Protein backbone atom coordinates (compact mmCIF):
# COMPACT_ATOMS: atom_id res chain seq x y z
CA MET A 1 0.00 0.00 0.00
CA ASP A 2 1.38 3.43 -0.88
CA ARG A 3 0.92 6.53 1.26
CA ARG A 4 -1.66 8.05 -1.06
CA ARG A 5 -3.86 4.99 -0.85
CA PHE A 6 -3.41 4.87 2.91
CA ILE A 7 -4.56 8.48 3.15
CA ARG A 8 -7.62 7.68 1.04
CA GLN A 9 -8.54 4.75 3.27
CA SER A 10 -7.93 6.73 6.44
CA SER A 11 -10.13 9.56 5.21
CA LEU A 12 -13.35 7.54 5.51
CA ALA A 13 -14.22 9.63 8.53
CA THR A 14 -14.70 12.66 6.32
CA ALA A 15 -17.00 10.92 3.87
CA ALA A 16 -20.19 12.06 5.60
CA VAL A 17 -19.14 15.68 5.29
CA VAL A 18 -17.92 15.38 1.70
CA THR A 19 -21.13 13.76 0.51
CA GLY A 20 -23.40 15.94 2.59
CA VAL A 21 -24.67 12.96 4.57
CA HIS A 22 -24.35 13.34 8.33
CA SER A 23 -23.23 10.16 10.05
CA PRO A 24 -24.91 9.32 13.37
CA LEU A 25 -21.50 8.09 14.56
CA PHE A 26 -20.48 11.71 15.02
CA ALA A 27 -23.53 12.75 17.01
CA GLN A 28 -22.78 14.06 20.49
CA ASN A 29 -24.18 12.36 23.54
CA SER A 30 -23.40 12.27 27.23
CA SER A 31 -21.65 8.88 27.02
CA ASN A 32 -19.03 10.06 24.53
CA LEU A 33 -15.45 9.90 25.77
CA LYS A 34 -13.83 13.34 25.99
CA ILE A 35 -10.60 13.03 24.01
CA GLY A 36 -7.54 15.27 23.83
CA LEU A 37 -5.29 15.15 20.76
CA ILE A 38 -1.58 15.99 21.02
CA GLY A 39 -0.24 16.73 17.55
CA SER A 40 -3.03 17.84 15.22
CA GLY A 41 -1.12 17.76 11.95
CA TRP A 42 -1.60 15.23 9.14
CA TYR A 43 -1.32 11.97 11.06
CA GLY A 44 -2.80 13.31 14.26
CA MET A 45 -5.91 14.11 12.27
CA VAL A 46 -5.85 10.66 10.65
CA ILE A 47 -6.23 9.01 14.05
CA ALA A 48 -8.64 11.68 15.35
CA LYS A 49 -10.98 11.14 12.39
CA ALA A 50 -10.64 7.37 12.74
CA ALA A 51 -11.72 7.73 16.37
CA LEU A 52 -14.75 9.75 15.31
CA GLN A 53 -15.59 7.17 12.66
CA ALA A 54 -15.31 4.43 15.27
CA GLY A 55 -17.84 6.35 17.35
CA GLY A 56 -18.41 7.13 21.00
CA VAL A 57 -15.97 10.01 21.31
CA GLU A 58 -15.72 13.77 21.10
CA ILE A 59 -12.42 15.53 20.45
CA VAL A 60 -12.63 18.28 23.08
CA ALA A 61 -9.05 19.58 22.91
CA ILE A 62 -6.21 19.68 20.43
CA CYS A 63 -2.60 20.76 20.74
CA ASP A 64 0.01 21.64 18.15
CA VAL A 65 3.11 23.83 17.90
CA ASP A 66 1.89 25.09 14.51
CA THR A 67 -0.99 27.57 14.70
CA THR A 68 -2.05 26.75 11.14
CA HIS A 69 -2.49 23.12 12.14
CA LEU A 70 -4.51 24.21 15.14
CA LYS A 71 -6.82 26.45 13.15
CA ASN A 72 -7.38 24.04 10.27
CA SER A 73 -7.86 21.00 12.51
CA ALA A 74 -10.24 22.81 14.84
CA THR A 75 -12.32 23.89 11.86
CA GLU A 76 -12.45 20.40 10.38
CA LEU A 77 -13.27 18.75 13.70
CA THR A 78 -16.02 21.28 14.36
CA THR A 79 -17.60 20.37 11.02
CA LEU A 80 -17.27 16.65 11.69
CA GLN A 81 -18.56 16.47 15.26
CA GLY A 82 -20.60 19.65 15.65
CA SER A 83 -18.54 21.01 18.53
CA LYS A 84 -15.33 23.01 18.53
CA PRO A 85 -12.32 21.64 20.41
CA LYS A 86 -10.25 23.91 22.62
CA GLU A 87 -6.88 24.81 21.15
CA PHE A 88 -3.52 24.64 22.94
CA ARG A 89 0.06 25.20 21.83
CA ASP A 90 1.53 23.53 24.95
CA TYR A 91 0.43 19.95 25.61
CA HIS A 92 0.91 20.42 29.37
CA GLU A 93 -1.96 22.92 29.30
CA LEU A 94 -4.12 20.41 27.43
CA LEU A 95 -3.40 17.78 30.07
CA ASN A 96 -4.53 20.18 32.81
CA MET A 97 -7.94 20.55 31.16
CA PRO A 98 -10.61 19.05 33.44
CA GLY A 99 -12.83 16.26 32.24
CA LEU A 100 -10.47 14.47 29.83
CA ASP A 101 -11.14 10.74 29.47
CA ALA A 102 -8.25 9.78 27.17
CA VAL A 103 -5.47 11.19 25.02
CA LEU A 104 -4.34 10.51 21.45
CA ILE A 105 -0.66 11.16 20.64
CA GLY A 106 0.05 11.85 16.97
CA THR A 107 3.36 13.71 17.17
CA PRO A 108 6.68 12.63 15.61
CA PRO A 109 8.45 9.88 17.60
CA HIS A 110 11.13 12.08 19.14
CA TRP A 111 8.34 13.62 21.28
CA HIS A 112 6.52 10.39 22.20
CA ALA A 113 8.35 9.50 25.42
CA LEU A 114 7.93 12.81 27.26
CA GLN A 115 4.30 13.24 26.22
CA PHE A 116 3.39 9.62 26.92
CA ILE A 117 4.96 9.68 30.38
CA ASP A 118 3.24 12.97 31.27
CA VAL A 119 -0.12 11.49 30.27
CA CYS A 120 0.64 8.43 32.40
CA LYS A 121 1.24 10.74 35.36
CA LYS A 122 -2.31 11.98 34.86
CA GLY A 123 -3.54 8.38 34.88
CA LEU A 124 -5.31 8.78 31.53
CA PRO A 125 -5.73 6.12 28.83
CA ILE A 126 -3.44 6.62 25.83
CA TYR A 127 -3.57 5.85 22.13
CA CYS A 128 -0.03 6.55 20.87
CA GLU A 129 1.25 6.29 17.34
CA LYS A 130 4.11 4.03 16.38
CA PRO A 131 7.06 3.73 16.74
CA LEU A 132 6.71 3.64 20.50
CA ALA A 133 9.78 5.81 21.10
CA TYR A 134 12.77 7.33 19.33
CA ASP A 135 15.33 5.20 21.18
CA ILE A 136 15.40 2.01 23.23
CA ASP A 137 15.84 3.52 26.69
CA GLU A 138 12.91 5.89 26.10
CA GLY A 139 10.79 2.81 25.42
CA LYS A 140 11.89 1.26 28.70
CA ALA A 141 10.95 4.46 30.56
CA MET A 142 7.53 4.45 28.88
CA MET A 143 6.90 0.85 29.96
CA GLU A 144 7.82 1.76 33.53
CA ALA A 145 5.51 4.78 33.50
CA ALA A 146 2.67 2.62 32.20
CA ARG A 147 3.35 -0.01 34.84
CA LYS A 148 3.02 2.61 37.57
CA ALA A 149 -0.05 4.25 36.08
CA GLU A 150 -1.84 0.99 35.22
CA ASN A 151 -3.70 2.89 32.50
CA ILE A 152 -5.16 1.47 29.30
CA ILE A 153 -2.78 1.86 26.36
CA GLN A 154 -3.04 1.03 22.68
CA ILE A 155 -0.11 1.63 20.31
CA GLY A 156 -0.91 2.36 16.67
CA PHE A 157 0.09 -0.86 14.93
CA GLN A 158 -3.23 -0.98 13.10
CA ARG A 159 -2.20 -3.79 10.77
CA ARG A 160 -3.02 -6.15 13.61
CA GLN A 161 -6.61 -5.52 12.49
CA SER A 162 -5.91 -6.63 8.89
CA ASN A 163 -8.08 -9.52 7.70
CA ALA A 164 -5.33 -10.55 5.29
CA PHE A 165 -2.66 -10.81 7.96
CA GLN A 166 -5.06 -12.60 10.29
CA LYS A 167 -5.73 -15.12 7.53
CA ALA A 168 -1.98 -15.50 7.01
CA ARG A 169 -1.57 -16.35 10.68
CA GLU A 170 -4.35 -18.94 10.43
CA LEU A 171 -2.81 -20.59 7.36
CA ILE A 172 0.65 -20.74 8.93
CA GLN A 173 -0.59 -22.06 12.27
CA ASN A 174 -2.60 -24.73 10.46
CA GLY A 175 0.54 -25.93 8.70
CA LYS A 176 -0.49 -24.89 5.18
CA ILE A 177 3.10 -24.02 4.18
CA GLY A 178 4.82 -26.31 6.69
CA ARG A 179 7.52 -25.12 9.02
CA VAL A 180 8.56 -21.55 8.25
CA ARG A 181 12.33 -21.48 7.83
CA GLN A 182 12.85 -17.88 6.71
CA ILE A 183 10.85 -14.68 6.41
CA GLY A 184 11.49 -11.76 4.08
CA ALA A 185 9.93 -8.31 4.36
CA GLN A 186 10.29 -5.23 2.21
CA ILE A 187 8.84 -1.91 1.18
CA HIS A 188 10.45 -0.40 -1.89
CA TYR A 189 9.27 3.02 -2.98
CA ASN A 190 10.46 6.40 -4.22
CA PRO A 191 9.87 9.10 -1.61
CA GLY A 192 10.13 12.00 -4.03
CA ASN A 193 12.03 15.24 -3.69
CA ALA A 194 11.39 17.61 -0.79
CA ASP A 195 12.96 21.06 -0.58
CA THR A 196 16.33 20.78 1.19
CA THR A 197 17.04 24.53 1.19
CA VAL A 198 17.82 25.89 4.65
CA GLN A 199 15.32 28.67 5.33
CA ASP A 200 13.21 30.29 8.01
CA PRO A 201 10.38 28.07 9.22
CA PRO A 202 6.80 29.12 8.46
CA SER A 203 5.68 31.95 10.73
CA SER A 204 2.98 29.68 12.17
CA LEU A 205 5.49 27.02 13.30
CA ASP A 206 7.43 27.11 16.55
CA TRP A 207 10.43 25.17 15.23
CA ASP A 208 12.22 25.13 18.58
CA ALA A 209 9.21 23.49 20.24
CA TRP A 210 8.75 21.10 17.31
CA CYS A 211 12.34 19.86 17.74
CA GLY A 212 11.84 19.45 21.49
CA PRO A 213 14.36 17.08 23.08
CA ALA A 214 15.89 16.19 19.70
CA PRO A 215 18.72 18.20 18.13
CA LYS A 216 17.55 21.50 16.67
CA LEU A 217 18.64 21.30 13.05
CA PRO A 218 18.44 24.27 10.69
CA TYR A 219 14.92 24.29 9.30
CA ARG A 220 14.23 23.03 5.79
CA PRO A 221 10.98 21.60 4.41
CA SER A 222 12.63 18.21 3.79
CA ILE A 223 12.81 17.54 7.56
CA GLY A 224 9.67 19.36 8.72
CA HIS A 225 5.97 18.52 8.56
CA GLY A 226 5.34 15.25 6.76
CA SER A 227 8.96 14.85 5.66
CA TRP A 228 10.80 14.09 8.91
CA ARG A 229 10.62 10.31 8.58
CA LEU A 230 13.84 9.93 6.59
CA GLU A 231 15.77 12.39 8.78
CA LYS A 232 17.94 10.50 11.27
CA GLU A 233 17.40 12.89 14.18
CA TYR A 234 13.59 12.82 13.99
CA GLY A 235 12.32 9.72 12.19
CA ASN A 236 15.42 7.47 12.04
CA GLY A 237 14.65 6.14 8.58
CA HIS A 238 12.37 4.01 6.46
CA LEU A 239 12.66 0.78 8.44
CA VAL A 240 11.78 2.51 11.72
CA ASP A 241 8.99 4.55 10.16
CA TRP A 242 7.23 2.23 7.74
CA GLY A 243 9.00 -1.12 7.83
CA ILE A 244 8.18 -1.38 11.54
CA HIS A 245 4.61 -2.31 10.58
CA HIS A 246 5.87 -5.46 8.85
CA ILE A 247 8.21 -6.39 11.69
CA ASP A 248 5.35 -5.98 14.16
CA ILE A 249 2.93 -8.10 12.16
CA ILE A 250 5.61 -10.78 11.62
CA ARG A 251 6.09 -10.93 15.37
CA THR A 252 2.32 -11.14 15.83
CA ILE A 253 1.81 -13.89 13.25
CA MET A 254 4.77 -15.96 14.41
CA ASP A 255 4.54 -15.26 18.16
CA PHE A 256 8.13 -13.98 18.14
CA ASP A 257 9.64 -12.15 21.10
CA MET A 258 12.76 -10.12 20.21
CA PRO A 259 15.57 -10.94 17.80
CA GLU A 260 18.58 -12.47 19.52
CA SER A 261 21.04 -10.90 17.09
CA ILE A 262 20.90 -8.41 14.25
CA TYR A 263 23.24 -7.46 11.44
CA ALA A 264 22.60 -4.75 8.86
CA THR A 265 24.35 -3.32 5.83
CA GLY A 266 23.30 -0.50 3.57
CA SER A 267 24.21 2.79 2.00
CA LEU A 268 23.08 6.30 1.21
CA ASP A 269 24.11 7.03 -2.34
CA VAL A 270 21.17 7.74 -4.65
CA MET A 271 19.44 10.15 -2.26
CA LYS A 272 22.54 11.57 -0.61
CA GLY A 273 22.05 15.24 0.19
CA ARG A 274 18.28 14.80 0.36
CA ILE A 275 17.89 12.41 3.32
CA THR A 276 20.18 11.30 6.17
CA THR A 277 19.20 7.63 6.56
CA PRO A 278 20.01 4.72 4.23
CA ASP A 279 18.23 4.63 0.88
CA THR A 280 19.34 1.01 0.58
CA LEU A 281 19.23 -1.39 3.53
CA LEU A 282 19.52 -5.11 4.16
CA ALA A 283 18.99 -6.20 7.76
CA THR A 284 18.87 -9.74 9.12
CA MET A 285 17.14 -10.21 12.46
CA HIS A 286 17.75 -13.61 13.97
CA PHE A 287 14.70 -14.56 15.99
CA LYS A 288 14.76 -17.79 17.97
CA ASP A 289 12.92 -19.88 15.39
CA CYS A 290 14.01 -18.35 12.07
CA PRO A 291 15.68 -15.30 10.52
CA VAL A 292 13.74 -12.29 9.26
CA VAL A 293 15.41 -10.47 6.37
CA TRP A 294 14.36 -6.86 5.76
CA GLN A 295 15.28 -4.93 2.64
CA HIS A 296 14.38 -1.60 1.08
CA ARG A 297 15.37 0.46 -1.91
CA LEU A 298 14.14 4.04 -2.06
CA TRP A 299 15.08 4.34 -5.72
CA GLY A 300 14.59 2.55 -9.02
CA THR A 301 11.68 0.23 -9.73
CA GLY A 302 11.85 -2.05 -6.69
CA GLU A 303 10.91 -5.62 -7.63
CA LEU A 304 10.49 -6.88 -11.20
CA ASN A 305 6.91 -7.64 -10.23
CA PRO A 306 5.63 -4.46 -8.52
CA GLN A 307 2.95 -6.35 -6.57
CA PHE A 308 5.78 -7.61 -4.34
CA ASN A 309 7.23 -4.15 -3.58
CA ASN A 310 5.38 -3.98 -0.27
CA GLY A 311 4.79 -7.15 1.70
CA ILE A 312 6.07 -10.17 3.60
CA PHE A 313 7.29 -13.55 2.30
CA PHE A 314 6.89 -16.54 4.61
CA TYR A 315 9.13 -19.30 3.24
CA GLY A 316 7.87 -22.67 4.44
CA GLU A 317 8.95 -26.22 3.69
CA LYS A 318 5.65 -26.91 1.89
CA GLY A 319 5.18 -23.56 0.21
CA THR A 320 5.67 -19.81 0.22
CA LEU A 321 3.06 -17.33 1.38
CA PHE A 322 3.24 -13.69 0.33
CA ALA A 323 1.15 -11.41 2.57
CA SER A 324 0.26 -7.75 2.12
CA ASP A 325 -2.39 -5.41 3.49
CA ASP A 326 -5.07 -6.68 1.14
CA LYS A 327 -3.79 -9.80 -0.60
CA LEU A 328 -2.30 -13.24 0.04
CA ILE A 329 -0.50 -15.30 -2.61
CA LEU A 330 0.11 -18.95 -1.71
CA THR A 331 2.59 -20.89 -3.86
CA PRO A 332 2.82 -24.60 -2.92
CA THR A 333 6.11 -26.46 -3.23
CA GLY A 334 6.46 -28.77 -6.22
CA ARG A 335 5.82 -28.73 -9.94
CA ASP A 336 2.42 -28.11 -11.53
CA LYS A 337 0.97 -26.70 -8.32
CA ASP A 338 -1.59 -23.95 -8.75
CA GLN A 339 -0.86 -20.63 -7.13
CA VAL A 340 -3.70 -19.40 -4.93
CA VAL A 341 -4.45 -15.67 -4.87
CA MET A 342 -6.70 -14.36 -2.10
CA ASP A 343 -7.93 -10.76 -2.20
CA ILE A 344 -8.76 -9.86 1.41
CA ASP A 345 -9.24 -6.16 1.99
CA THR A 346 -9.60 -4.31 5.30
CA PRO A 347 -10.33 -0.66 4.41
CA ASP A 348 -11.05 0.26 8.02
CA MET A 349 -7.96 -1.05 9.86
CA GLN A 350 -7.36 2.33 11.49
CA GLU A 351 -10.96 2.69 12.61
CA LYS A 352 -11.01 -0.83 14.05
CA HIS A 353 -7.82 -0.22 16.00
CA LEU A 354 -9.23 3.01 17.49
CA ALA A 355 -12.57 1.32 18.18
CA GLU A 356 -10.77 -1.40 20.13
CA PHE A 357 -9.14 1.28 22.28
CA ILE A 358 -12.40 3.20 22.78
CA HIS A 359 -14.30 0.08 23.83
CA ALA A 360 -11.52 -0.89 26.23
CA VAL A 361 -11.59 2.56 27.86
CA LYS A 362 -15.36 2.48 28.23
CA ALA A 363 -15.25 -1.02 29.67
CA LYS A 364 -12.17 -0.19 31.77
CA ASP A 365 -10.63 -3.44 30.55
CA LYS A 366 -6.98 -3.57 29.43
CA ARG A 367 -7.48 -7.00 27.95
CA MET A 368 -9.51 -5.58 25.08
CA VAL A 369 -6.58 -3.88 23.32
CA SER A 370 -4.38 -5.81 20.91
CA CYS A 371 -1.13 -3.81 21.14
CA LYS A 372 -0.02 -3.08 24.66
CA VAL A 373 3.04 -0.97 25.43
CA GLU A 374 5.27 -3.98 26.20
CA ASP A 375 4.52 -5.57 22.84
CA ALA A 376 5.05 -2.27 21.03
CA PHE A 377 8.41 -1.96 22.77
CA ARG A 378 9.54 -5.28 21.33
CA SER A 379 8.60 -4.35 17.77
CA THR A 380 10.07 -0.87 18.09
CA ALA A 381 13.30 -2.04 19.72
CA SER A 382 13.74 -4.66 16.98
CA VAL A 383 13.98 -2.03 14.24
CA GLN A 384 15.98 0.32 16.45
CA LEU A 385 18.52 -2.46 16.95
CA ALA A 386 18.72 -2.92 13.19
CA MET A 387 19.54 0.76 12.77
CA ILE A 388 22.14 0.54 15.54
CA ALA A 389 23.69 -2.42 13.73
CA TYR A 390 23.79 -0.34 10.55
CA GLU A 391 25.30 2.68 12.31
CA THR A 392 28.01 0.67 14.08
CA GLY A 393 28.70 -1.79 11.28
CA SER A 394 28.57 -4.57 13.85
CA GLU A 395 26.48 -7.52 14.91
CA VAL A 396 24.18 -6.46 17.74
CA LYS A 397 23.08 -9.07 20.27
CA TRP A 398 20.03 -8.63 22.45
CA ASP A 399 19.76 -10.17 25.91
CA ILE A 400 16.05 -10.93 26.15
CA THR A 401 16.27 -11.73 29.86
CA ARG A 402 17.97 -8.45 30.80
CA ASN A 403 16.33 -6.36 28.07
CA THR A 404 19.59 -4.86 26.90
CA ILE A 405 22.32 -5.00 24.24
CA SER A 406 25.10 -7.35 25.29
CA ASP A 407 28.84 -7.50 24.52
CA ASN A 408 28.90 -4.37 22.37
CA ASP A 409 29.64 -1.11 24.19
CA LYS A 410 29.63 0.96 20.99
CA ALA A 411 26.15 -0.26 20.12
CA LYS A 412 24.88 0.05 23.68
CA LYS A 413 25.74 3.77 23.73
CA LEU A 414 23.19 4.27 20.94
CA SER A 415 20.39 2.92 23.14
CA ALA A 416 19.89 6.44 24.47
CA ARG A 417 20.85 9.63 22.73
CA PRO A 418 21.52 12.83 24.73
CA TYR A 419 18.60 15.23 25.11
CA ARG A 420 18.89 18.84 24.04
CA GLN A 421 19.56 21.42 26.74
CA GLY A 422 16.40 22.29 28.61
CA TYR A 423 14.95 18.77 28.36
CA LYS A 424 15.51 15.91 30.79
CA ARG A 425 15.58 12.29 29.70
CA PRO A 426 13.04 10.08 31.48
CA THR A 427 14.42 7.34 33.69
CA TYR A 428 13.26 3.80 34.38
């Protein structure tokens, strides 16, 4: 699935307004959860609208460091739900608003840890976008904060709601392709050209606040709104941003814990000067039962057959299963075997994932969410370890019992980057 298609699917919540038909899902009533949204830009609004589509909520407050985001999002939400949310530029002020029932976090990952932990201190339920954190030690601090707060938490790995991936799990568990010996995952795509010219930020954007605890780089559109994912200091690259979905769903399908060792090689050649993370990457994550091989190319045509540009290959002794968001392709071992193609779409993955969270909060039942913070930590740390292996040019081993990198001091130092002056790293 490309980003444009994802946006189309995640815009279902606006359909009632676009067509002039008012959905009863958006009607206000006294039982609606009062939701605060931290980060009301593109993706923050994706999850806010998905929550409205899921039903049973009202977005009563939004926060963003860009006043244009605030104004535009407040206007759109007012149209969608019939009530105007309060606007804040500082998320601490939003959290002090009385009557909040839950908080959505849709900011870039370098802000997740501080915001998540502050919401935990308020004891409020949290829906937080992936990746869980920017670095490994932040993730550990977030788990500790959640343990103390005992609040309901759902992390935004919405592909756990995919009918196609659920069917893949069923086929594999039922032995359809035999024992899985190797898994391959990839997303090849061309990210396009963003403006890399150093310039003043838009007058509406508080760039210092946007950078927060991360290094404050000179502003350029290529690392700002919507483009930060391939900047090392903010998004940490394609595997951590987008590939993480595949690593998470592989772990879910196969019941994997964490990789025991990781090795990665890659380069930044084709897009050098435009991004700061590898445009070509090959990472092997050795889980207990079988290796997972990730690859991406952010240039060229990707695979010879473009239908395989984005997806997961499960290589079994009796066959190979290719799984993507909306399709499975089963190829049995042996000659003259018919390939089986299964089109299995789930256009409302995002809405289902938010609905799961909303129902859990209303029922006050943690068991109703499918991606708890501990599980999100494992998926997030797996791709962070791969990037550490790439950065150090070394094999990185993970001690699952102690939850730490072992026998590699150079790699271990990258578990926690220094915070910018004025910000204090959370502890665990």
